[in-house]
N, C-alpha and C. Protein backbone atom coordinates (compact mmCIF):
# COMPACT_ATOMS: atom_id res chain seq x y z
N MET A 1 32.46 42.90 -32.41
CA MET A 1 31.48 43.28 -31.42
C MET A 1 30.07 42.92 -31.88
N LEU A 2 29.78 43.17 -33.15
CA LEU A 2 28.45 42.91 -33.69
C LEU A 2 28.13 41.42 -33.66
N SER A 3 29.06 40.57 -34.04
CA SER A 3 28.80 39.13 -34.04
C SER A 3 28.63 38.60 -32.62
N ARG A 4 29.32 39.22 -31.68
CA ARG A 4 29.17 38.82 -30.28
C ARG A 4 27.79 39.16 -29.76
N LEU A 5 27.24 40.29 -30.11
CA LEU A 5 25.89 40.68 -29.71
C LEU A 5 24.85 39.78 -30.35
N ASN A 6 25.05 39.45 -31.63
CA ASN A 6 24.12 38.55 -32.32
C ASN A 6 24.12 37.17 -31.67
N LEU A 7 25.28 36.72 -31.29
CA LEU A 7 25.39 35.42 -30.64
C LEU A 7 24.69 35.43 -29.29
N ARG A 8 24.89 36.50 -28.54
CA ARG A 8 24.24 36.63 -27.24
C ARG A 8 22.73 36.67 -27.36
N SER A 9 22.21 37.47 -28.28
CA SER A 9 20.75 37.57 -28.44
C SER A 9 20.17 36.26 -28.98
N ALA A 10 20.92 35.58 -29.83
CA ALA A 10 20.45 34.29 -30.32
C ALA A 10 20.38 33.28 -29.18
N PHE A 11 21.38 33.31 -28.30
CA PHE A 11 21.37 32.41 -27.15
C PHE A 11 20.20 32.71 -26.22
N ARG A 12 19.98 34.01 -25.96
CA ARG A 12 18.85 34.40 -25.09
C ARG A 12 17.52 33.95 -25.68
N ALA A 13 17.37 34.05 -26.95
CA ALA A 13 16.11 33.66 -27.60
C ALA A 13 15.97 32.14 -27.67
N GLY A 14 17.09 31.46 -27.88
CA GLY A 14 17.02 30.01 -28.06
C GLY A 14 17.10 29.20 -26.79
N ALA A 15 17.64 29.76 -25.72
CA ALA A 15 17.81 29.01 -24.47
C ALA A 15 16.50 28.49 -23.90
N PRO A 16 15.45 29.32 -23.82
CA PRO A 16 14.18 28.78 -23.29
C PRO A 16 13.62 27.65 -24.16
N VAL A 17 13.74 27.78 -25.46
CA VAL A 17 13.25 26.74 -26.38
C VAL A 17 14.06 25.46 -26.18
N LEU A 18 15.35 25.59 -26.07
CA LEU A 18 16.22 24.43 -25.85
C LEU A 18 15.89 23.75 -24.52
N LEU A 19 15.71 24.55 -23.49
CA LEU A 19 15.35 24.01 -22.18
C LEU A 19 14.02 23.27 -22.24
N LEU A 20 13.05 23.84 -22.91
CA LEU A 20 11.75 23.20 -23.06
C LEU A 20 11.87 21.87 -23.80
N LEU A 21 12.66 21.85 -24.87
CA LEU A 21 12.85 20.61 -25.63
C LEU A 21 13.54 19.54 -24.80
N LEU A 22 14.42 19.94 -23.90
CA LEU A 22 15.11 18.97 -23.06
C LEU A 22 14.20 18.43 -21.95
N LEU A 23 13.32 19.27 -21.41
CA LEU A 23 12.47 18.86 -20.30
C LEU A 23 11.17 18.19 -20.73
N LEU A 24 10.71 18.46 -21.91
CA LEU A 24 9.44 17.91 -22.38
C LEU A 24 9.42 16.38 -22.40
N PRO A 25 10.44 15.71 -22.95
CA PRO A 25 10.40 14.23 -22.90
C PRO A 25 10.38 13.68 -21.48
N ALA A 26 11.10 14.30 -20.57
CA ALA A 26 11.12 13.83 -19.18
C ALA A 26 9.74 13.99 -18.55
N ALA A 27 9.07 15.10 -18.82
CA ALA A 27 7.73 15.31 -18.27
C ALA A 27 6.74 14.32 -18.87
N ALA A 28 6.84 14.09 -20.17
CA ALA A 28 5.93 13.14 -20.80
C ALA A 28 6.16 11.74 -20.27
N LEU A 29 7.42 11.36 -20.08
CA LEU A 29 7.74 10.04 -19.55
C LEU A 29 7.22 9.88 -18.12
N ALA A 30 7.37 10.90 -17.33
CA ALA A 30 6.92 10.83 -15.93
C ALA A 30 5.42 10.67 -15.83
N GLN A 31 4.67 11.17 -16.79
CA GLN A 31 3.23 11.10 -16.75
C GLN A 31 2.69 9.81 -17.38
N ALA A 32 3.55 9.02 -18.02
CA ALA A 32 3.09 7.83 -18.74
C ALA A 32 2.80 6.65 -17.81
N TRP A 33 3.31 6.66 -16.61
CA TRP A 33 3.17 5.51 -15.70
C TRP A 33 2.40 5.93 -14.46
N PRO A 34 1.60 5.11 -13.93
CA PRO A 34 1.22 3.79 -14.41
C PRO A 34 0.21 3.87 -15.54
N LYS A 35 0.15 2.81 -16.28
CA LYS A 35 -0.77 2.71 -17.40
C LYS A 35 -1.60 1.44 -17.21
N ILE A 36 -2.91 1.59 -17.13
CA ILE A 36 -3.81 0.44 -17.02
C ILE A 36 -3.92 -0.19 -18.41
N LEU A 37 -3.69 -1.48 -18.49
CA LEU A 37 -3.71 -2.18 -19.78
C LEU A 37 -5.12 -2.68 -20.09
N GLU A 38 -5.44 -2.64 -21.37
CA GLU A 38 -6.75 -3.11 -21.84
C GLU A 38 -6.58 -3.89 -23.13
N GLY A 39 -7.63 -4.61 -23.52
CA GLY A 39 -7.66 -5.28 -24.81
C GLY A 39 -6.51 -6.23 -25.03
N ALA A 40 -5.87 -6.10 -26.20
CA ALA A 40 -4.78 -7.00 -26.59
C ALA A 40 -3.58 -6.87 -25.64
N GLU A 41 -3.32 -5.66 -25.14
CA GLU A 41 -2.21 -5.48 -24.20
C GLU A 41 -2.45 -6.27 -22.92
N LEU A 42 -3.69 -6.25 -22.44
CA LEU A 42 -4.05 -7.00 -21.24
C LEU A 42 -3.91 -8.50 -21.48
N GLU A 43 -4.44 -8.98 -22.58
CA GLU A 43 -4.37 -10.41 -22.89
C GLU A 43 -2.94 -10.90 -23.06
N ARG A 44 -2.06 -10.02 -23.52
CA ARG A 44 -0.66 -10.39 -23.74
C ARG A 44 0.07 -10.66 -22.42
N VAL A 45 -0.29 -9.97 -21.33
CA VAL A 45 0.48 -10.11 -20.09
C VAL A 45 -0.21 -10.97 -19.02
N VAL A 46 -1.51 -11.18 -19.12
CA VAL A 46 -2.21 -11.96 -18.10
C VAL A 46 -2.13 -13.46 -18.43
N PRO A 47 -1.67 -14.28 -17.48
CA PRO A 47 -1.59 -15.72 -17.76
C PRO A 47 -2.98 -16.34 -17.89
N GLN A 48 -3.08 -17.37 -18.71
CA GLN A 48 -4.36 -18.06 -18.95
C GLN A 48 -4.79 -18.90 -17.75
N GLY A 49 -3.85 -19.27 -16.92
CA GLY A 49 -4.15 -20.06 -15.74
C GLY A 49 -3.11 -19.78 -14.67
N PHE A 50 -3.38 -20.32 -13.47
CA PHE A 50 -2.47 -20.06 -12.36
C PHE A 50 -2.40 -21.28 -11.45
N TYR A 51 -1.20 -21.57 -10.99
CA TYR A 51 -0.94 -22.69 -10.08
C TYR A 51 -0.95 -22.18 -8.65
N PHE A 52 -1.66 -22.91 -7.76
CA PHE A 52 -1.69 -22.55 -6.34
C PHE A 52 -1.98 -23.81 -5.53
N GLU A 53 -1.15 -24.07 -4.55
CA GLU A 53 -1.29 -25.22 -3.65
C GLU A 53 -1.58 -26.53 -4.39
N GLY A 54 -0.76 -26.80 -5.39
CA GLY A 54 -0.84 -28.09 -6.08
C GLY A 54 -1.92 -28.21 -7.13
N GLN A 55 -2.62 -27.12 -7.44
CA GLN A 55 -3.67 -27.18 -8.46
C GLN A 55 -3.55 -25.99 -9.40
N SER A 56 -4.05 -26.19 -10.62
CA SER A 56 -4.09 -25.11 -11.59
C SER A 56 -5.54 -24.73 -11.84
N GLY A 57 -5.75 -23.44 -11.96
CA GLY A 57 -7.10 -22.94 -12.25
C GLY A 57 -7.05 -21.98 -13.42
N ALA A 58 -8.13 -21.96 -14.20
CA ALA A 58 -8.21 -21.06 -15.35
C ALA A 58 -8.46 -19.62 -14.88
N THR A 59 -7.81 -18.69 -15.53
CA THR A 59 -8.02 -17.27 -15.24
C THR A 59 -9.37 -16.84 -15.79
N GLN A 60 -10.13 -16.11 -15.01
CA GLN A 60 -11.37 -15.50 -15.48
C GLN A 60 -10.97 -14.19 -16.16
N MET A 61 -10.77 -14.20 -17.48
CA MET A 61 -10.25 -13.03 -18.18
C MET A 61 -11.14 -11.80 -18.02
N ARG A 62 -12.43 -11.99 -17.82
CA ARG A 62 -13.32 -10.84 -17.61
C ARG A 62 -13.04 -10.19 -16.25
N ASN A 63 -12.38 -10.91 -15.35
CA ASN A 63 -12.00 -10.41 -14.04
C ASN A 63 -10.49 -10.43 -13.88
N ALA A 64 -9.81 -9.91 -14.89
CA ALA A 64 -8.35 -9.80 -14.87
C ALA A 64 -7.98 -8.35 -15.12
N ALA A 65 -6.86 -7.94 -14.58
CA ALA A 65 -6.40 -6.56 -14.74
C ALA A 65 -4.88 -6.54 -14.74
N ALA A 66 -4.33 -5.50 -15.35
CA ALA A 66 -2.88 -5.35 -15.38
C ALA A 66 -2.54 -3.88 -15.52
N ALA A 67 -1.38 -3.54 -15.00
CA ALA A 67 -0.87 -2.18 -15.13
C ALA A 67 0.60 -2.23 -15.46
N GLN A 68 1.02 -1.28 -16.27
CA GLN A 68 2.43 -1.11 -16.54
C GLN A 68 2.91 0.00 -15.63
N LEU A 69 3.88 -0.31 -14.77
CA LEU A 69 4.37 0.64 -13.78
C LEU A 69 5.60 1.41 -14.26
N GLY A 70 6.17 0.99 -15.36
CA GLY A 70 7.35 1.62 -15.92
C GLY A 70 7.82 0.81 -17.11
N PRO A 71 8.93 1.19 -17.72
CA PRO A 71 9.44 0.39 -18.84
C PRO A 71 9.71 -1.04 -18.39
N ARG A 72 9.08 -2.00 -19.04
CA ARG A 72 9.22 -3.43 -18.75
C ARG A 72 8.92 -3.76 -17.29
N ARG A 73 7.98 -3.05 -16.66
CA ARG A 73 7.56 -3.31 -15.28
C ARG A 73 6.05 -3.46 -15.26
N PHE A 74 5.58 -4.67 -14.97
CA PHE A 74 4.16 -4.95 -15.00
C PHE A 74 3.70 -5.59 -13.69
N VAL A 75 2.45 -5.37 -13.37
CA VAL A 75 1.79 -6.10 -12.30
C VAL A 75 0.45 -6.56 -12.87
N THR A 76 0.16 -7.85 -12.70
CA THR A 76 -1.10 -8.40 -13.20
C THR A 76 -1.84 -9.05 -12.04
N ALA A 77 -3.15 -9.08 -12.17
CA ALA A 77 -3.99 -9.74 -11.16
C ALA A 77 -5.20 -10.32 -11.88
N GLY A 78 -5.70 -11.39 -11.34
CA GLY A 78 -6.89 -11.99 -11.94
C GLY A 78 -7.56 -12.94 -10.98
N LEU A 79 -8.86 -13.08 -11.15
CA LEU A 79 -9.59 -14.09 -10.39
C LEU A 79 -9.45 -15.41 -11.12
N VAL A 80 -9.47 -16.49 -10.37
CA VAL A 80 -9.27 -17.82 -10.92
C VAL A 80 -10.50 -18.67 -10.62
N ASP A 81 -10.87 -19.52 -11.57
CA ASP A 81 -11.97 -20.45 -11.36
C ASP A 81 -11.51 -21.49 -10.34
N THR A 82 -12.03 -21.39 -9.12
CA THR A 82 -11.61 -22.28 -8.04
C THR A 82 -12.63 -23.39 -7.77
N SER A 83 -13.51 -23.65 -8.72
CA SER A 83 -14.57 -24.63 -8.47
C SER A 83 -14.02 -26.03 -8.20
N GLY A 84 -12.86 -26.38 -8.71
CA GLY A 84 -12.29 -27.69 -8.46
C GLY A 84 -11.40 -27.75 -7.22
N TYR A 85 -11.26 -26.66 -6.54
CA TYR A 85 -10.38 -26.60 -5.38
C TYR A 85 -11.10 -27.09 -4.13
N ALA A 86 -10.33 -27.51 -3.15
CA ALA A 86 -10.88 -27.89 -1.85
C ALA A 86 -11.49 -26.65 -1.20
N SER A 87 -12.50 -26.85 -0.35
CA SER A 87 -13.21 -25.72 0.24
C SER A 87 -12.31 -24.84 1.10
N ASP A 88 -11.32 -25.43 1.78
CA ASP A 88 -10.43 -24.60 2.61
C ASP A 88 -9.54 -23.70 1.75
N VAL A 89 -9.17 -24.17 0.55
CA VAL A 89 -8.37 -23.34 -0.36
C VAL A 89 -9.26 -22.25 -0.95
N ARG A 90 -10.47 -22.60 -1.38
CA ARG A 90 -11.40 -21.61 -1.94
C ARG A 90 -11.71 -20.50 -0.95
N ALA A 91 -11.72 -20.82 0.35
CA ALA A 91 -12.06 -19.82 1.37
C ALA A 91 -10.99 -18.73 1.49
N LYS A 92 -9.74 -19.04 1.16
CA LYS A 92 -8.69 -18.04 1.31
C LYS A 92 -8.14 -17.52 -0.01
N TYR A 93 -8.38 -18.22 -1.09
CA TYR A 93 -7.74 -17.92 -2.37
C TYR A 93 -8.78 -17.53 -3.41
N GLN A 94 -8.69 -16.30 -3.90
CA GLN A 94 -9.59 -15.84 -4.95
C GLN A 94 -8.89 -15.70 -6.30
N GLY A 95 -7.61 -15.33 -6.26
CA GLY A 95 -6.93 -15.08 -7.52
C GLY A 95 -5.44 -14.95 -7.35
N PHE A 96 -4.81 -14.32 -8.33
CA PHE A 96 -3.35 -14.22 -8.35
C PHE A 96 -2.90 -12.79 -8.58
N ILE A 97 -1.70 -12.52 -8.11
CA ILE A 97 -0.96 -11.30 -8.42
C ILE A 97 0.41 -11.74 -8.90
N VAL A 98 0.82 -11.21 -10.04
CA VAL A 98 2.15 -11.48 -10.57
C VAL A 98 2.82 -10.12 -10.79
N THR A 99 4.00 -9.97 -10.25
CA THR A 99 4.75 -8.73 -10.44
C THR A 99 6.17 -9.07 -10.87
N ASP A 100 6.64 -8.37 -11.90
CA ASP A 100 7.99 -8.66 -12.39
C ASP A 100 9.05 -7.72 -11.81
N SER A 101 8.66 -6.97 -10.79
CA SER A 101 9.59 -6.13 -10.05
C SER A 101 9.00 -5.91 -8.66
N PRO A 102 9.82 -5.56 -7.68
CA PRO A 102 9.28 -5.33 -6.34
C PRO A 102 8.26 -4.18 -6.36
N VAL A 103 7.19 -4.35 -5.60
CA VAL A 103 6.15 -3.32 -5.47
C VAL A 103 5.77 -3.20 -4.01
N THR A 104 4.99 -2.18 -3.70
CA THR A 104 4.38 -2.11 -2.38
C THR A 104 2.89 -2.33 -2.57
N VAL A 105 2.32 -3.09 -1.67
CA VAL A 105 0.89 -3.39 -1.68
C VAL A 105 0.34 -2.93 -0.34
N GLY A 106 -0.50 -1.92 -0.38
CA GLY A 106 -1.05 -1.40 0.87
C GLY A 106 0.03 -0.93 1.83
N GLY A 107 1.17 -0.49 1.30
CA GLY A 107 2.27 -0.01 2.12
C GLY A 107 3.29 -1.07 2.50
N ALA A 108 3.01 -2.34 2.22
CA ALA A 108 3.95 -3.42 2.55
C ALA A 108 4.71 -3.86 1.30
N ARG A 109 5.97 -4.20 1.48
CA ARG A 109 6.82 -4.60 0.36
C ARG A 109 6.44 -6.00 -0.12
N LEU A 110 6.30 -6.13 -1.44
CA LEU A 110 6.05 -7.43 -2.06
C LEU A 110 7.14 -7.65 -3.11
N PRO A 111 8.00 -8.67 -2.91
CA PRO A 111 9.09 -8.91 -3.88
C PRO A 111 8.55 -9.41 -5.23
N THR A 112 9.42 -9.37 -6.22
CA THR A 112 9.11 -9.93 -7.53
C THR A 112 8.61 -11.37 -7.35
N GLY A 113 7.53 -11.74 -8.05
CA GLY A 113 7.05 -13.12 -7.96
C GLY A 113 5.60 -13.28 -8.32
N ALA A 114 5.13 -14.50 -8.11
CA ALA A 114 3.74 -14.87 -8.39
C ALA A 114 3.10 -15.31 -7.07
N TYR A 115 1.93 -14.80 -6.80
CA TYR A 115 1.27 -14.99 -5.51
C TYR A 115 -0.21 -15.24 -5.68
N GLY A 116 -0.78 -15.95 -4.72
CA GLY A 116 -2.23 -16.03 -4.61
C GLY A 116 -2.70 -14.94 -3.67
N PHE A 117 -3.96 -14.54 -3.80
CA PHE A 117 -4.48 -13.53 -2.88
C PHE A 117 -5.95 -13.79 -2.57
N GLY A 118 -6.40 -13.18 -1.49
CA GLY A 118 -7.81 -13.21 -1.13
C GLY A 118 -8.17 -11.99 -0.30
N PHE A 119 -9.25 -11.32 -0.65
CA PHE A 119 -9.80 -10.24 0.17
C PHE A 119 -10.74 -10.90 1.17
N THR A 120 -10.65 -10.51 2.43
CA THR A 120 -11.52 -11.10 3.45
C THR A 120 -12.75 -10.22 3.68
N SER A 121 -13.77 -10.81 4.26
CA SER A 121 -15.00 -10.07 4.53
C SER A 121 -14.81 -9.02 5.63
N ASP A 122 -13.76 -9.16 6.43
CA ASP A 122 -13.52 -8.18 7.49
C ASP A 122 -12.46 -7.12 7.11
N GLY A 123 -12.20 -6.97 5.79
CA GLY A 123 -11.40 -5.85 5.32
C GLY A 123 -9.90 -6.04 5.21
N TRP A 124 -9.44 -7.24 4.96
CA TRP A 124 -8.01 -7.49 4.80
C TRP A 124 -7.74 -8.08 3.43
N LEU A 125 -6.54 -7.83 2.92
CA LEU A 125 -6.03 -8.53 1.74
C LEU A 125 -4.90 -9.41 2.22
N ASN A 126 -5.02 -10.71 1.98
CA ASN A 126 -3.96 -11.66 2.31
C ASN A 126 -3.28 -12.07 1.01
N VAL A 127 -1.96 -12.04 1.00
CA VAL A 127 -1.17 -12.46 -0.16
C VAL A 127 -0.34 -13.65 0.28
N MET A 128 -0.39 -14.72 -0.53
CA MET A 128 0.28 -15.97 -0.19
C MET A 128 1.21 -16.40 -1.32
N ASP A 129 2.27 -17.12 -0.98
CA ASP A 129 3.10 -17.70 -2.03
C ASP A 129 2.31 -18.84 -2.66
N VAL A 130 2.83 -19.43 -3.75
CA VAL A 130 2.07 -20.46 -4.46
C VAL A 130 1.88 -21.72 -3.64
N GLY A 131 2.61 -21.86 -2.53
CA GLY A 131 2.42 -22.99 -1.63
C GLY A 131 1.35 -22.73 -0.57
N GLY A 132 0.76 -21.52 -0.57
CA GLY A 132 -0.31 -21.20 0.36
C GLY A 132 0.15 -20.55 1.66
N ARG A 133 1.45 -20.27 1.79
CA ARG A 133 1.96 -19.61 3.00
C ARG A 133 1.80 -18.10 2.88
N ARG A 134 1.23 -17.47 3.92
CA ARG A 134 0.99 -16.03 3.89
C ARG A 134 2.30 -15.26 3.82
N VAL A 135 2.37 -14.35 2.86
CA VAL A 135 3.53 -13.50 2.66
C VAL A 135 3.29 -12.13 3.29
N LEU A 136 2.07 -11.63 3.13
CA LEU A 136 1.71 -10.37 3.76
C LEU A 136 0.21 -10.28 3.92
N SER A 137 -0.18 -9.43 4.85
CA SER A 137 -1.59 -9.15 5.11
C SER A 137 -1.69 -7.66 5.37
N VAL A 138 -2.53 -6.98 4.58
CA VAL A 138 -2.69 -5.53 4.71
C VAL A 138 -4.16 -5.18 4.79
N ARG A 139 -4.44 -4.09 5.45
CA ARG A 139 -5.81 -3.60 5.59
C ARG A 139 -6.26 -3.03 4.24
N ALA A 140 -7.39 -3.49 3.76
CA ALA A 140 -7.99 -2.93 2.55
C ALA A 140 -8.86 -1.74 2.93
N ARG A 141 -8.98 -0.82 2.02
CA ARG A 141 -9.85 0.34 2.25
C ARG A 141 -11.14 0.16 1.45
N ASN A 142 -12.15 0.93 1.78
CA ASN A 142 -13.43 0.83 1.11
C ASN A 142 -13.71 2.11 0.34
N ASP A 143 -14.18 1.98 -0.89
CA ASP A 143 -14.49 3.13 -1.74
C ASP A 143 -16.00 3.18 -1.96
N ASP A 144 -16.69 3.94 -1.11
CA ASP A 144 -18.14 4.07 -1.22
C ASP A 144 -18.58 4.85 -2.45
N ARG A 145 -17.66 5.62 -3.02
CA ARG A 145 -18.01 6.45 -4.19
C ARG A 145 -17.84 5.72 -5.51
N LEU A 146 -17.33 4.50 -5.48
CA LEU A 146 -17.14 3.74 -6.72
C LEU A 146 -18.50 3.47 -7.35
N GLN A 147 -18.68 3.92 -8.59
CA GLN A 147 -19.98 3.83 -9.25
C GLN A 147 -20.41 2.40 -9.60
N ARG A 148 -19.53 1.67 -10.26
CA ARG A 148 -19.88 0.31 -10.68
C ARG A 148 -18.80 -0.67 -10.24
N PRO A 149 -18.89 -1.15 -9.01
CA PRO A 149 -17.86 -2.11 -8.56
C PRO A 149 -17.93 -3.40 -9.37
N ARG A 150 -16.76 -3.98 -9.59
CA ARG A 150 -16.67 -5.26 -10.30
C ARG A 150 -15.94 -6.24 -9.39
N PRO A 151 -16.03 -7.51 -9.69
CA PRO A 151 -15.35 -8.49 -8.84
C PRO A 151 -13.84 -8.24 -8.72
N LEU A 152 -13.20 -7.76 -9.81
CA LEU A 152 -11.78 -7.41 -9.76
C LEU A 152 -11.50 -6.39 -10.84
N MET A 153 -10.76 -5.34 -10.48
CA MET A 153 -10.34 -4.35 -11.47
C MET A 153 -9.21 -3.51 -10.90
N MET A 154 -8.52 -2.79 -11.79
CA MET A 154 -7.49 -1.84 -11.41
C MET A 154 -7.88 -0.48 -11.97
N THR A 155 -7.58 0.55 -11.19
CA THR A 155 -7.75 1.92 -11.67
C THR A 155 -6.49 2.71 -11.36
N ASP A 156 -6.28 3.74 -12.15
CA ASP A 156 -5.15 4.64 -11.93
C ASP A 156 -5.42 5.44 -10.66
N ALA A 157 -4.38 5.65 -9.87
CA ALA A 157 -4.52 6.41 -8.63
C ALA A 157 -3.24 7.20 -8.40
N ARG A 158 -3.35 8.25 -7.61
CA ARG A 158 -2.15 9.01 -7.28
C ARG A 158 -1.20 8.10 -6.49
N GLY A 159 -0.01 7.94 -7.00
CA GLY A 159 0.98 7.12 -6.32
C GLY A 159 1.00 5.67 -6.75
N GLY A 160 0.17 5.28 -7.71
CA GLY A 160 0.16 3.88 -8.16
C GLY A 160 -1.15 3.50 -8.81
N VAL A 161 -1.59 2.27 -8.54
CA VAL A 161 -2.87 1.79 -9.04
C VAL A 161 -3.64 1.19 -7.88
N ARG A 162 -4.94 1.26 -7.97
CA ARG A 162 -5.79 0.61 -6.98
C ARG A 162 -6.23 -0.74 -7.52
N LEU A 163 -6.05 -1.78 -6.71
CA LEU A 163 -6.56 -3.11 -7.03
C LEU A 163 -7.84 -3.28 -6.23
N TYR A 164 -8.95 -3.41 -6.94
CA TYR A 164 -10.26 -3.52 -6.32
C TYR A 164 -10.79 -4.95 -6.35
N SER A 165 -11.48 -5.30 -5.29
CA SER A 165 -12.37 -6.46 -5.24
C SER A 165 -13.69 -5.89 -4.74
N GLY A 166 -14.64 -5.71 -5.66
CA GLY A 166 -15.85 -4.99 -5.29
C GLY A 166 -15.49 -3.56 -4.93
N ARG A 167 -15.88 -3.11 -3.74
CA ARG A 167 -15.54 -1.76 -3.29
C ARG A 167 -14.27 -1.72 -2.44
N SER A 168 -13.74 -2.88 -2.07
CA SER A 168 -12.50 -2.94 -1.29
C SER A 168 -11.31 -2.77 -2.22
N PHE A 169 -10.29 -2.04 -1.76
CA PHE A 169 -9.12 -1.85 -2.59
C PHE A 169 -7.86 -1.70 -1.75
N VAL A 170 -6.73 -1.95 -2.41
CA VAL A 170 -5.40 -1.64 -1.87
C VAL A 170 -4.65 -0.90 -2.95
N LEU A 171 -3.71 -0.07 -2.54
CA LEU A 171 -2.87 0.67 -3.48
C LEU A 171 -1.62 -0.15 -3.76
N ILE A 172 -1.34 -0.33 -5.04
CA ILE A 172 -0.10 -0.99 -5.48
C ILE A 172 0.76 0.08 -6.13
N SER A 173 1.99 0.19 -5.67
CA SER A 173 2.89 1.19 -6.26
C SER A 173 4.27 0.60 -6.48
N SER A 174 4.98 1.21 -7.42
CA SER A 174 6.35 0.74 -7.69
C SER A 174 7.26 1.21 -6.58
N ARG A 175 8.31 0.48 -6.35
CA ARG A 175 9.28 0.83 -5.29
C ARG A 175 10.36 1.70 -5.84
């Protein structure tokens, strides 16, 4: 009888601790994504150049961003030096988005792949395949409270990451 009581009280005392130990890694893992990459991590995943409509352009690393959306799940974006491009290409193409898993961009599904993109002056983000054909077009939102807008950046947001061009942004989230 005595050993049975000791076992019961030990279980009562240890059960909450055991439960906490089991749930803590799951909670920590759930909070780890998305992660905005910086420094060497950013340089490791962002391509040095990008091909679009028959031409290659150098990535402007100062205007590149990347986020890790989960284990081995990345999305990168960057502006490209388009000075050698034809004017009609420069008018629609500002940079690239590369995703190694399906994501949603502004609520629209974007499959795994490499794409060109351009934010328009009337508030749209157009995403094109590398041949220049439009894959999706979504309404960009404006963030008037953004303190220091940059030509391109990503920030952590509830439900994903925000991809900004100046004050215009779209939400990118994992599927």
